[in-house]
All heavy atoms as atom14 arrays in JSON, in Angstrom:
{
  "sequence": "STPLHVLLYKFLGWEDQMPQFAHLPLILKPDGNGKLSKRAADKAGFPI",
  "atom14_mask": [
    [1, 1, 1, 1, 1, 1, 0, 0, 0, 0, 0, 0, 0, 0],
    [1, 1, 1, 1, 1, 1, 1, 0, 0, 0, 0, 0, 0, 0],
    [1, 1, 1, 1, 1, 1, 1, 0, 0, 0, 0, 0, 0, 0],
    [1, 1, 1, 1, 1, 1, 1, 1, 0, 0, 0, 0, 0, 0],
    [1, 1, 1, 1, 1, 1, 1, 1, 1, 1, 0, 0, 0, 0],
    [1, 1, 1, 1, 1, 1, 1, 0, 0, 0, 0, 0, 0, 0],
    [1, 1, 1, 1, 1, 1, 1, 1, 0, 0, 0, 0, 0, 0],
    [1, 1, 1, 1, 1, 1, 1, 1, 0, 0, 0, 0, 0, 0],
    [1, 1, 1, 1, 1, 1, 1, 1, 1, 1, 1, 1, 0, 0],
    [1, 1, 1, 1, 1, 1, 1, 1, 1, 0, 0, 0, 0, 0],
    [1, 1, 1, 1, 1, 1, 1, 1, 1, 1, 1, 0, 0, 0],
    [1, 1, 1, 1, 1, 1, 1, 1, 0, 0, 0, 0, 0, 0],
    [1, 1, 1, 1, 0, 0, 0, 0, 0, 0, 0, 0, 0, 0],
    [1, 1, 1, 1, 1, 1, 1, 1, 1, 1, 1, 1, 1, 1],
    [1, 1, 1, 1, 1, 1, 1, 1, 1, 0, 0, 0, 0, 0],
    [1, 1, 1, 1, 1, 1, 1, 1, 0, 0, 0, 0, 0, 0],
    [1, 1, 1, 1, 1, 1, 1, 1, 1, 0, 0, 0, 0, 0],
    [1, 1, 1, 1, 1, 1, 1, 1, 0, 0, 0, 0, 0, 0],
    [1, 1, 1, 1, 1, 1, 1, 0, 0, 0, 0, 0, 0, 0],
    [1, 1, 1, 1, 1, 1, 1, 1, 1, 0, 0, 0, 0, 0],
    [1, 1, 1, 1, 1, 1, 1, 1, 1, 1, 1, 0, 0, 0],
    [1, 1, 1, 1, 1, 0, 0, 0, 0, 0, 0, 0, 0, 0],
    [1, 1, 1, 1, 1, 1, 1, 1, 1, 1, 0, 0, 0, 0],
    [1, 1, 1, 1, 1, 1, 1, 1, 0, 0, 0, 0, 0, 0],
    [1, 1, 1, 1, 1, 1, 1, 0, 0, 0, 0, 0, 0, 0],
    [1, 1, 1, 1, 1, 1, 1, 1, 0, 0, 0, 0, 0, 0],
    [1, 1, 1, 1, 1, 1, 1, 1, 0, 0, 0, 0, 0, 0],
    [1, 1, 1, 1, 1, 1, 1, 1, 0, 0, 0, 0, 0, 0],
    [1, 1, 1, 1, 1, 1, 1, 1, 1, 0, 0, 0, 0, 0],
    [1, 1, 1, 1, 1, 1, 1, 0, 0, 0, 0, 0, 0, 0],
    [1, 1, 1, 1, 1, 1, 1, 1, 0, 0, 0, 0, 0, 0],
    [1, 1, 1, 1, 0, 0, 0, 0, 0, 0, 0, 0, 0, 0],
    [1, 1, 1, 1, 1, 1, 1, 1, 0, 0, 0, 0, 0, 0],
    [1, 1, 1, 1, 0, 0, 0, 0, 0, 0, 0, 0, 0, 0],
    [1, 1, 1, 1, 1, 1, 1, 1, 1, 0, 0, 0, 0, 0],
    [1, 1, 1, 1, 1, 1, 1, 1, 0, 0, 0, 0, 0, 0],
    [1, 1, 1, 1, 1, 1, 0, 0, 0, 0, 0, 0, 0, 0],
    [1, 1, 1, 1, 1, 1, 1, 1, 1, 0, 0, 0, 0, 0],
    [1, 1, 1, 1, 1, 1, 1, 1, 1, 1, 1, 0, 0, 0],
    [1, 1, 1, 1, 1, 0, 0, 0, 0, 0, 0, 0, 0, 0],
    [1, 1, 1, 1, 1, 0, 0, 0, 0, 0, 0, 0, 0, 0],
    [1, 1, 1, 1, 1, 1, 1, 1, 0, 0, 0, 0, 0, 0],
    [1, 1, 1, 1, 1, 1, 1, 1, 1, 0, 0, 0, 0, 0],
    [1, 1, 1, 1, 1, 0, 0, 0, 0, 0, 0, 0, 0, 0],
    [1, 1, 1, 1, 0, 0, 0, 0, 0, 0, 0, 0, 0, 0],
    [1, 1, 1, 1, 1, 1, 1, 1, 1, 1, 1, 0, 0, 0],
    [1, 1, 1, 1, 1, 1, 1, 0, 0, 0, 0, 0, 0, 0],
    [1, 1, 1, 1, 1, 1, 1, 1, 0, 0, 0, 0, 0, 0]
  ],
  "atom14_positions": [
    [[126.9, -73.12, 158.09], [125.74, -72.34, 157.66], [125.08, -72.91, 156.41], [123.95, -72.54, 156.08], [126.16, -70.89, 157.38], [126.69, -70.28, 158.53], [0.0, 0.0, 0.0], [0.0, 0.0, 0.0], [0.0, 0.0, 0.0], [0.0, 0.0, 0.0], [0.0, 0.0, 0.0], [0.0, 0.0, 0.0], [0.0, 0.0, 0.0], [0.0, 0.0, 0.0]],
    [[125.79, -73.76, 155.7], [125.29, -74.25, 154.41], [123.97, -75.03, 154.53], [123.09, -74.87, 153.66], [126.37, -75.08, 153.71], [127.57, -74.31, 153.62], [125.93, -75.47, 152.3], [0.0, 0.0, 0.0], [0.0, 0.0, 0.0], [0.0, 0.0, 0.0], [0.0, 0.0, 0.0], [0.0, 0.0, 0.0], [0.0, 0.0, 0.0], [0.0, 0.0, 0.0]],
    [[123.74, -75.87, 155.55], [122.44, -76.54, 155.64], [121.27, -75.55, 155.67], [120.24, -75.79, 155.03], [122.54, -77.31, 156.97], [124.0, -77.58, 157.13], [124.68, -76.35, 156.59], [0.0, 0.0, 0.0], [0.0, 0.0, 0.0], [0.0, 0.0, 0.0], [0.0, 0.0, 0.0], [0.0, 0.0, 0.0], [0.0, 0.0, 0.0], [0.0, 0.0, 0.0]],
    [[121.43, -74.44, 156.37], [120.39, -73.42, 156.38], [120.2, -72.85, 154.99], [119.06, -72.67, 154.53], [120.77, -72.29, 157.36], [119.92, -71.01, 157.26], [118.45, -71.3, 157.52], [120.44, -69.97, 158.24], [0.0, 0.0, 0.0], [0.0, 0.0, 0.0], [0.0, 0.0, 0.0], [0.0, 0.0, 0.0], [0.0, 0.0, 0.0], [0.0, 0.0, 0.0]],
    [[121.28, -72.58, 154.29], [121.18, -72.02, 152.94], [120.49, -73.0, 151.99], [119.68, -72.61, 151.15], [122.56, -71.64, 152.43], [123.27, -70.65, 153.31], [124.62, -70.39, 153.23], [122.8, -69.86, 154.32], [124.95, -69.48, 154.14], [123.86, -69.15, 154.81], [0.0, 0.0, 0.0], [0.0, 0.0, 0.0], [0.0, 0.0, 0.0], [0.0, 0.0, 0.0]],
    [[120.81, -74.27, 152.14], [120.16, -75.31, 151.32], [118.65, -75.31, 151.59], [117.84, -75.4, 150.65], [120.79, -76.69, 151.61], [119.97, -77.8, 150.96], [122.23, -76.73, 151.11], [0.0, 0.0, 0.0], [0.0, 0.0, 0.0], [0.0, 0.0, 0.0], [0.0, 0.0, 0.0], [0.0, 0.0, 0.0], [0.0, 0.0, 0.0], [0.0, 0.0, 0.0]],
    [[118.27, -75.2, 152.85], [116.84, -75.16, 153.2], [116.16, -73.92, 152.59], [115.03, -74.01, 152.11], [116.67, -75.15, 154.72], [116.87, -76.48, 155.44], [116.83, -76.28, 156.95], [115.81, -77.51, 155.01], [0.0, 0.0, 0.0], [0.0, 0.0, 0.0], [0.0, 0.0, 0.0], [0.0, 0.0, 0.0], [0.0, 0.0, 0.0], [0.0, 0.0, 0.0]],
    [[116.85, -72.79, 152.63], [116.25, -71.57, 152.07], [116.02, -71.72, 150.56], [115.01, -71.26, 150.03], [117.14, -70.36, 152.37], [117.18, -69.92, 153.84], [118.17, -68.78, 154.04], [115.78, -69.48, 154.3], [0.0, 0.0, 0.0], [0.0, 0.0, 0.0], [0.0, 0.0, 0.0], [0.0, 0.0, 0.0], [0.0, 0.0, 0.0], [0.0, 0.0, 0.0]],
    [[116.97, -72.32, 149.87], [116.77, -72.59, 148.43], [115.52, -73.45, 148.24], [114.7, -73.21, 147.34], [117.99, -73.28, 147.83], [119.11, -72.34, 147.46], [120.25, -72.25, 148.24], [119.01, -71.51, 146.34], [121.28, -71.39, 147.92], [120.04, -70.64, 146.0], [121.17, -70.58, 146.79], [122.17, -69.71, 146.47], [0.0, 0.0, 0.0], [0.0, 0.0, 0.0]],
    [[115.38, -74.45, 149.08], [114.22, -75.35, 148.99], [112.93, -74.6, 149.31], [111.94, -74.69, 148.56], [114.41, -76.52, 149.96], [113.27, -77.51, 149.98], [113.55, -78.63, 150.98], [112.37, -79.61, 151.05], [112.63, -80.69, 152.05], [0.0, 0.0, 0.0], [0.0, 0.0, 0.0], [0.0, 0.0, 0.0], [0.0, 0.0, 0.0], [0.0, 0.0, 0.0]],
    [[112.91, -73.82, 150.4], [111.71, -73.09, 150.81], [111.27, -72.07, 149.76], [110.07, -71.83, 149.57], [111.96, -72.36, 152.14], [112.16, -73.27, 153.32], [112.81, -72.81, 154.46], [111.7, -74.58, 153.32], [113.0, -73.62, 155.56], [111.87, -75.42, 154.41], [112.54, -74.93, 155.54], [0.0, 0.0, 0.0], [0.0, 0.0, 0.0], [0.0, 0.0, 0.0]],
    [[112.25, -71.46, 149.09], [111.94, -70.41, 148.12], [111.65, -70.97, 146.72], [111.4, -70.22, 145.78], [113.09, -69.4, 148.05], [113.26, -68.54, 149.32], [114.6, -67.81, 149.3], [112.11, -67.54, 149.45], [0.0, 0.0, 0.0], [0.0, 0.0, 0.0], [0.0, 0.0, 0.0], [0.0, 0.0, 0.0], [0.0, 0.0, 0.0], [0.0, 0.0, 0.0]],
    [[111.7, -72.3, 146.6], [111.39, -72.93, 145.32], [112.51, -72.88, 144.31], [112.28, -73.01, 143.1], [0.0, 0.0, 0.0], [0.0, 0.0, 0.0], [0.0, 0.0, 0.0], [0.0, 0.0, 0.0], [0.0, 0.0, 0.0], [0.0, 0.0, 0.0], [0.0, 0.0, 0.0], [0.0, 0.0, 0.0], [0.0, 0.0, 0.0], [0.0, 0.0, 0.0]],
    [[113.74, -72.71, 144.8], [114.9, -72.58, 143.9], [115.83, -73.79, 143.98], [116.97, -73.72, 143.54], [115.7, -71.33, 144.27], [114.93, -70.05, 144.2], [113.83, -69.78, 143.44], [115.2, -68.85, 144.94], [113.4, -68.5, 143.64], [114.22, -67.9, 144.55], [116.17, -68.49, 145.88], [114.2, -66.6, 145.08], [116.16, -67.21, 146.4], [115.17, -66.28, 146.0]],
    [[115.36, -74.87, 144.5], [116.23, -76.03, 144.73], [116.88, -76.51, 143.45], [118.06, -76.89, 143.44], [115.42, -77.16, 145.37], [116.27, -78.25, 145.98], [115.45, -79.23, 146.79], [114.19, -79.19, 146.73], [116.05, -80.06, 147.5], [0.0, 0.0, 0.0], [0.0, 0.0, 0.0], [0.0, 0.0, 0.0], [0.0, 0.0, 0.0], [0.0, 0.0, 0.0]],
    [[116.15, -76.46, 142.34], [116.7, -76.93, 141.06], [117.78, -76.0, 140.51], [118.61, -76.43, 139.69], [115.58, -77.08, 140.03], [114.63, -78.22, 140.36], [115.01, -79.07, 141.19], [113.5, -78.23, 139.82], [0.0, 0.0, 0.0], [0.0, 0.0, 0.0], [0.0, 0.0, 0.0], [0.0, 0.0, 0.0], [0.0, 0.0, 0.0], [0.0, 0.0, 0.0]],
    [[117.78, -74.73, 140.95], [118.78, -73.78, 140.47], [119.87, -73.51, 141.53], [120.68, -72.6, 141.39], [118.13, -72.44, 140.11], [117.19, -72.49, 138.91], [115.77, -72.83, 139.33], [115.27, -72.28, 140.31], [115.12, -73.7, 138.58], [0.0, 0.0, 0.0], [0.0, 0.0, 0.0], [0.0, 0.0, 0.0], [0.0, 0.0, 0.0], [0.0, 0.0, 0.0]],
    [[119.88, -74.3, 142.58], [120.83, -74.09, 143.67], [122.27, -74.24, 143.16], [122.57, -75.17, 142.41], [120.57, -75.09, 144.79], [121.42, -74.87, 146.02], [120.83, -75.89, 147.43], [121.14, -77.55, 146.79], [0.0, 0.0, 0.0], [0.0, 0.0, 0.0], [0.0, 0.0, 0.0], [0.0, 0.0, 0.0], [0.0, 0.0, 0.0], [0.0, 0.0, 0.0]],
    [[123.16, -73.33, 143.54], [124.56, -73.46, 143.1], [125.24, -74.66, 143.74], [124.77, -75.18, 144.75], [125.2, -72.15, 143.57], [124.37, -71.7, 144.72], [122.96, -72.14, 144.39], [0.0, 0.0, 0.0], [0.0, 0.0, 0.0], [0.0, 0.0, 0.0], [0.0, 0.0, 0.0], [0.0, 0.0, 0.0], [0.0, 0.0, 0.0], [0.0, 0.0, 0.0]],
    [[126.33, -75.08, 143.16], [127.16, -76.11, 143.77], [128.07, -75.45, 144.81], [128.53, -74.33, 144.61], [127.99, -76.82, 142.7], [127.15, -77.56, 141.67], [128.01, -78.37, 140.73], [128.65, -79.35, 141.12], [128.03, -77.97, 139.47], [0.0, 0.0, 0.0], [0.0, 0.0, 0.0], [0.0, 0.0, 0.0], [0.0, 0.0, 0.0], [0.0, 0.0, 0.0]],
    [[128.32, -76.16, 145.9], [129.11, -75.61, 146.99], [130.51, -76.22, 147.01], [130.69, -77.4, 146.71], [128.43, -75.86, 148.34], [127.12, -75.15, 148.49], [125.91, -75.81, 148.27], [127.08, -73.81, 148.83], [124.7, -75.16, 148.41], [125.88, -73.13, 148.97], [124.69, -73.81, 148.76], [0.0, 0.0, 0.0], [0.0, 0.0, 0.0], [0.0, 0.0, 0.0]],
    [[131.47, -75.4, 147.4], [132.85, -75.87, 147.59], [133.45, -75.07, 148.74], [133.6, -73.85, 148.63], [133.67, -75.68, 146.32], [0.0, 0.0, 0.0], [0.0, 0.0, 0.0], [0.0, 0.0, 0.0], [0.0, 0.0, 0.0], [0.0, 0.0, 0.0], [0.0, 0.0, 0.0], [0.0, 0.0, 0.0], [0.0, 0.0, 0.0], [0.0, 0.0, 0.0]],
    [[133.75, -75.73, 149.84], [134.28, -75.06, 151.02], [135.78, -75.3, 151.15], [136.22, -76.45, 151.29], [133.52, -75.5, 152.27], [132.12, -74.97, 152.31], [131.05, -75.64, 151.73], [131.63, -73.8, 152.8], [129.95, -74.91, 151.9], [130.28, -73.8, 152.54], [0.0, 0.0, 0.0], [0.0, 0.0, 0.0], [0.0, 0.0, 0.0], [0.0, 0.0, 0.0]],
    [[136.54, -74.22, 151.07], [138.0, -74.27, 151.05], [138.55, -74.58, 152.44], [137.97, -74.19, 153.45], [138.56, -72.94, 150.56], [137.99, -72.45, 149.22], [138.56, -71.07, 148.88], [138.29, -73.44, 148.1], [0.0, 0.0, 0.0], [0.0, 0.0, 0.0], [0.0, 0.0, 0.0], [0.0, 0.0, 0.0], [0.0, 0.0, 0.0], [0.0, 0.0, 0.0]],
    [[139.7, -75.28, 152.5], [140.29, -75.62, 153.8], [140.77, -74.38, 154.54], [141.08, -73.35, 153.94], [141.47, -76.52, 153.42], [141.82, -76.1, 152.03], [140.52, -75.76, 151.37], [0.0, 0.0, 0.0], [0.0, 0.0, 0.0], [0.0, 0.0, 0.0], [0.0, 0.0, 0.0], [0.0, 0.0, 0.0], [0.0, 0.0, 0.0], [0.0, 0.0, 0.0]],
    [[140.83, -74.49, 155.85], [141.31, -73.39, 156.68], [142.78, -73.11, 156.41], [143.56, -74.0, 156.08], [141.14, -73.73, 158.16], [139.72, -73.81, 158.72], [139.77, -74.25, 160.17], [139.01, -72.46, 158.6], [0.0, 0.0, 0.0], [0.0, 0.0, 0.0], [0.0, 0.0, 0.0], [0.0, 0.0, 0.0], [0.0, 0.0, 0.0], [0.0, 0.0, 0.0]],
    [[143.16, -71.83, 156.58], [144.58, -71.47, 156.6], [145.0, -71.45, 158.06], [144.43, -70.72, 158.87], [144.81, -70.1, 155.94], [144.38, -70.14, 154.46], [146.28, -69.7, 156.04], [144.51, -68.82, 153.74], [0.0, 0.0, 0.0], [0.0, 0.0, 0.0], [0.0, 0.0, 0.0], [0.0, 0.0, 0.0], [0.0, 0.0, 0.0], [0.0, 0.0, 0.0]],
    [[145.97, -72.27, 158.39], [146.36, -72.47, 159.78], [147.58, -71.62, 160.16], [148.32, -71.14, 159.29], [146.68, -73.94, 160.02], [145.58, -74.95, 159.65], [146.09, -76.37, 159.84], [144.32, -74.71, 160.47], [0.0, 0.0, 0.0], [0.0, 0.0, 0.0], [0.0, 0.0, 0.0], [0.0, 0.0, 0.0], [0.0, 0.0, 0.0], [0.0, 0.0, 0.0]],
    [[147.78, -71.46, 161.46], [148.98, -70.81, 161.96], [150.21, -71.59, 161.5], [150.11, -72.78, 161.16], [148.95, -70.77, 163.49], [147.81, -69.98, 164.09], [147.83, -70.12, 165.61], [146.6, -69.51, 166.25], [146.59, -69.71, 167.73], [0.0, 0.0, 0.0], [0.0, 0.0, 0.0], [0.0, 0.0, 0.0], [0.0, 0.0, 0.0], [0.0, 0.0, 0.0]],
    [[151.38, -70.95, 161.49], [152.6, -71.66, 161.05], [152.87, -72.97, 161.76], [153.42, -73.91, 161.17], [153.71, -70.64, 161.33], [153.04, -69.31, 161.21], [151.65, -69.52, 161.76], [0.0, 0.0, 0.0], [0.0, 0.0, 0.0], [0.0, 0.0, 0.0], [0.0, 0.0, 0.0], [0.0, 0.0, 0.0], [0.0, 0.0, 0.0], [0.0, 0.0, 0.0]],
    [[152.45, -73.07, 163.04], [152.68, -74.33, 163.76], [151.53, -75.32, 163.57], [151.55, -76.43, 164.11], [152.89, -74.07, 165.26], [151.68, -73.43, 165.93], [150.63, -73.26, 165.26], [151.77, -73.08, 167.12], [0.0, 0.0, 0.0], [0.0, 0.0, 0.0], [0.0, 0.0, 0.0], [0.0, 0.0, 0.0], [0.0, 0.0, 0.0], [0.0, 0.0, 0.0]],
    [[150.53, -74.93, 162.77], [149.41, -75.82, 162.5], [148.38, -75.88, 163.6], [147.38, -76.6, 163.49], [0.0, 0.0, 0.0], [0.0, 0.0, 0.0], [0.0, 0.0, 0.0], [0.0, 0.0, 0.0], [0.0, 0.0, 0.0], [0.0, 0.0, 0.0], [0.0, 0.0, 0.0], [0.0, 0.0, 0.0], [0.0, 0.0, 0.0], [0.0, 0.0, 0.0]],
    [[148.59, -75.1, 164.65], [147.71, -75.16, 165.82], [146.66, -74.05, 165.76], [146.82, -72.99, 166.35], [148.54, -75.05, 167.1], [147.7, -75.23, 168.35], [146.64, -75.86, 168.3], [148.17, -74.7, 169.46], [0.0, 0.0, 0.0], [0.0, 0.0, 0.0], [0.0, 0.0, 0.0], [0.0, 0.0, 0.0], [0.0, 0.0, 0.0], [0.0, 0.0, 0.0]],
    [[145.59, -74.29, 165.02], [144.5, -73.32, 164.95], [144.54, -72.44, 163.72], [145.54, -72.36, 163.0], [0.0, 0.0, 0.0], [0.0, 0.0, 0.0], [0.0, 0.0, 0.0], [0.0, 0.0, 0.0], [0.0, 0.0, 0.0], [0.0, 0.0, 0.0], [0.0, 0.0, 0.0], [0.0, 0.0, 0.0], [0.0, 0.0, 0.0], [0.0, 0.0, 0.0]],
    [[143.43, -71.73, 163.5], [143.26, -70.86, 162.35], [144.16, -69.64, 162.44], [144.34, -69.05, 163.5], [141.79, -70.44, 162.26], [141.45, -69.59, 161.04], [139.98, -69.23, 161.05], [139.63, -68.3, 159.89], [138.2, -67.89, 159.92], [0.0, 0.0, 0.0], [0.0, 0.0, 0.0], [0.0, 0.0, 0.0], [0.0, 0.0, 0.0], [0.0, 0.0, 0.0]],
    [[144.73, -69.26, 161.29], [145.58, -68.07, 161.25], [144.76, -66.82, 161.53], [143.73, -66.59, 160.91], [146.24, -67.95, 159.87], [147.16, -66.74, 159.68], [148.39, -66.85, 160.58], [147.58, -66.62, 158.22], [0.0, 0.0, 0.0], [0.0, 0.0, 0.0], [0.0, 0.0, 0.0], [0.0, 0.0, 0.0], [0.0, 0.0, 0.0], [0.0, 0.0, 0.0]],
    [[145.23, -66.02, 162.47], [144.54, -64.78, 162.85], [145.52, -63.62, 162.78], [146.74, -63.81, 162.66], [144.0, -64.9, 164.28], [145.08, -65.04, 165.19], [0.0, 0.0, 0.0], [0.0, 0.0, 0.0], [0.0, 0.0, 0.0], [0.0, 0.0, 0.0], [0.0, 0.0, 0.0], [0.0, 0.0, 0.0], [0.0, 0.0, 0.0], [0.0, 0.0, 0.0]],
    [[144.98, -62.42, 162.86], [145.84, -61.23, 162.87], [146.78, -61.26, 164.07], [147.96, -60.93, 163.96], [144.99, -59.96, 162.89], [145.82, -58.67, 162.88], [144.93, -57.45, 162.9], [145.76, -56.18, 162.91], [146.64, -56.06, 164.08], [0.0, 0.0, 0.0], [0.0, 0.0, 0.0], [0.0, 0.0, 0.0], [0.0, 0.0, 0.0], [0.0, 0.0, 0.0]],
    [[146.25, -61.66, 165.21], [147.07, -61.72, 166.42], [148.22, -62.7, 166.24], [149.37, -62.41, 166.62], [146.21, -62.13, 167.61], [146.99, -62.26, 168.91], [146.09, -62.68, 170.07], [145.09, -61.67, 170.37], [144.18, -61.79, 171.33], [144.14, -62.91, 172.05], [143.32, -60.83, 171.56], [0.0, 0.0, 0.0], [0.0, 0.0, 0.0], [0.0, 0.0, 0.0]],
    [[147.93, -63.87, 165.65], [148.98, -64.87, 165.44], [150.03, -64.36, 164.46], [151.23, -64.6, 164.64], [148.36, -66.17, 164.93], [0.0, 0.0, 0.0], [0.0, 0.0, 0.0], [0.0, 0.0, 0.0], [0.0, 0.0, 0.0], [0.0, 0.0, 0.0], [0.0, 0.0, 0.0], [0.0, 0.0, 0.0], [0.0, 0.0, 0.0], [0.0, 0.0, 0.0]],
    [[149.58, -63.67, 163.41], [150.52, -63.12, 162.43], [151.38, -62.03, 163.05], [152.6, -61.99, 162.83], [149.75, -62.56, 161.23], [0.0, 0.0, 0.0], [0.0, 0.0, 0.0], [0.0, 0.0, 0.0], [0.0, 0.0, 0.0], [0.0, 0.0, 0.0], [0.0, 0.0, 0.0], [0.0, 0.0, 0.0], [0.0, 0.0, 0.0], [0.0, 0.0, 0.0]],
    [[150.76, -61.16, 163.84], [151.52, -60.11, 164.53], [152.58, -60.71, 165.44], [153.72, -60.25, 165.49], [150.58, -59.22, 165.34], [149.7, -58.33, 164.47], [150.01, -58.18, 163.28], [148.7, -57.8, 164.98], [0.0, 0.0, 0.0], [0.0, 0.0, 0.0], [0.0, 0.0, 0.0], [0.0, 0.0, 0.0], [0.0, 0.0, 0.0], [0.0, 0.0, 0.0]],
    [[152.19, -61.75, 166.16], [153.11, -62.4, 167.09], [154.29, -63.04, 166.35], [155.44, -63.0, 166.82], [152.36, -63.47, 167.89], [153.19, -64.11, 168.99], [152.35, -65.09, 169.81], [153.17, -65.74, 170.92], [152.35, -66.71, 171.71], [0.0, 0.0, 0.0], [0.0, 0.0, 0.0], [0.0, 0.0, 0.0], [0.0, 0.0, 0.0], [0.0, 0.0, 0.0]],
    [[154.0, -63.61, 165.16], [155.06, -64.25, 164.37], [155.85, -63.26, 163.54], [156.87, -63.61, 162.95], [154.44, -65.32, 163.47], [0.0, 0.0, 0.0], [0.0, 0.0, 0.0], [0.0, 0.0, 0.0], [0.0, 0.0, 0.0], [0.0, 0.0, 0.0], [0.0, 0.0, 0.0], [0.0, 0.0, 0.0], [0.0, 0.0, 0.0], [0.0, 0.0, 0.0]],
    [[155.36, -62.02, 163.46], [156.1, -60.97, 162.77], [155.93, -60.91, 161.27], [156.86, -60.53, 160.55], [0.0, 0.0, 0.0], [0.0, 0.0, 0.0], [0.0, 0.0, 0.0], [0.0, 0.0, 0.0], [0.0, 0.0, 0.0], [0.0, 0.0, 0.0], [0.0, 0.0, 0.0], [0.0, 0.0, 0.0], [0.0, 0.0, 0.0], [0.0, 0.0, 0.0]],
    [[154.76, -61.29, 160.77], [154.54, -61.15, 159.32], [153.15, -60.56, 159.07], [152.28, -60.6, 159.94], [154.71, -62.49, 158.59], [153.79, -63.6, 159.03], [152.49, -63.68, 158.55], [154.22, -64.58, 159.9], [151.64, -64.7, 158.93], [153.38, -65.62, 160.3], [152.08, -65.67, 159.81], [0.0, 0.0, 0.0], [0.0, 0.0, 0.0], [0.0, 0.0, 0.0]],
    [[152.92, -60.0, 157.88], [151.63, -59.35, 157.59], [150.52, -60.37, 157.44], [150.76, -61.56, 157.23], [151.89, -58.64, 156.25], [153.35, -58.74, 156.0], [153.85, -59.9, 156.76], [0.0, 0.0, 0.0], [0.0, 0.0, 0.0], [0.0, 0.0, 0.0], [0.0, 0.0, 0.0], [0.0, 0.0, 0.0], [0.0, 0.0, 0.0], [0.0, 0.0, 0.0]],
    [[149.29, -59.86, 157.51], [148.14, -60.71, 157.23], [147.18, -60.01, 156.26], [146.22, -60.59, 155.8], [147.41, -61.09, 158.53], [146.57, -62.36, 158.31], [146.55, -59.94, 159.05], [146.06, -63.0, 159.57], [0.0, 0.0, 0.0], [0.0, 0.0, 0.0], [0.0, 0.0, 0.0], [0.0, 0.0, 0.0], [0.0, 0.0, 0.0], [0.0, 0.0, 0.0]]
  ]
}
């Protein structure tokens, strides 16, 4: 979604005041196969 947000800053004339972006890595399931979800946590028996 960030490219759209960058364009909106530009369109609204705020490009010079645009914040810096930092996108955090995904939290994966214990086996590393896909994003951690409530269903995966329930199946593994721990809270989310």
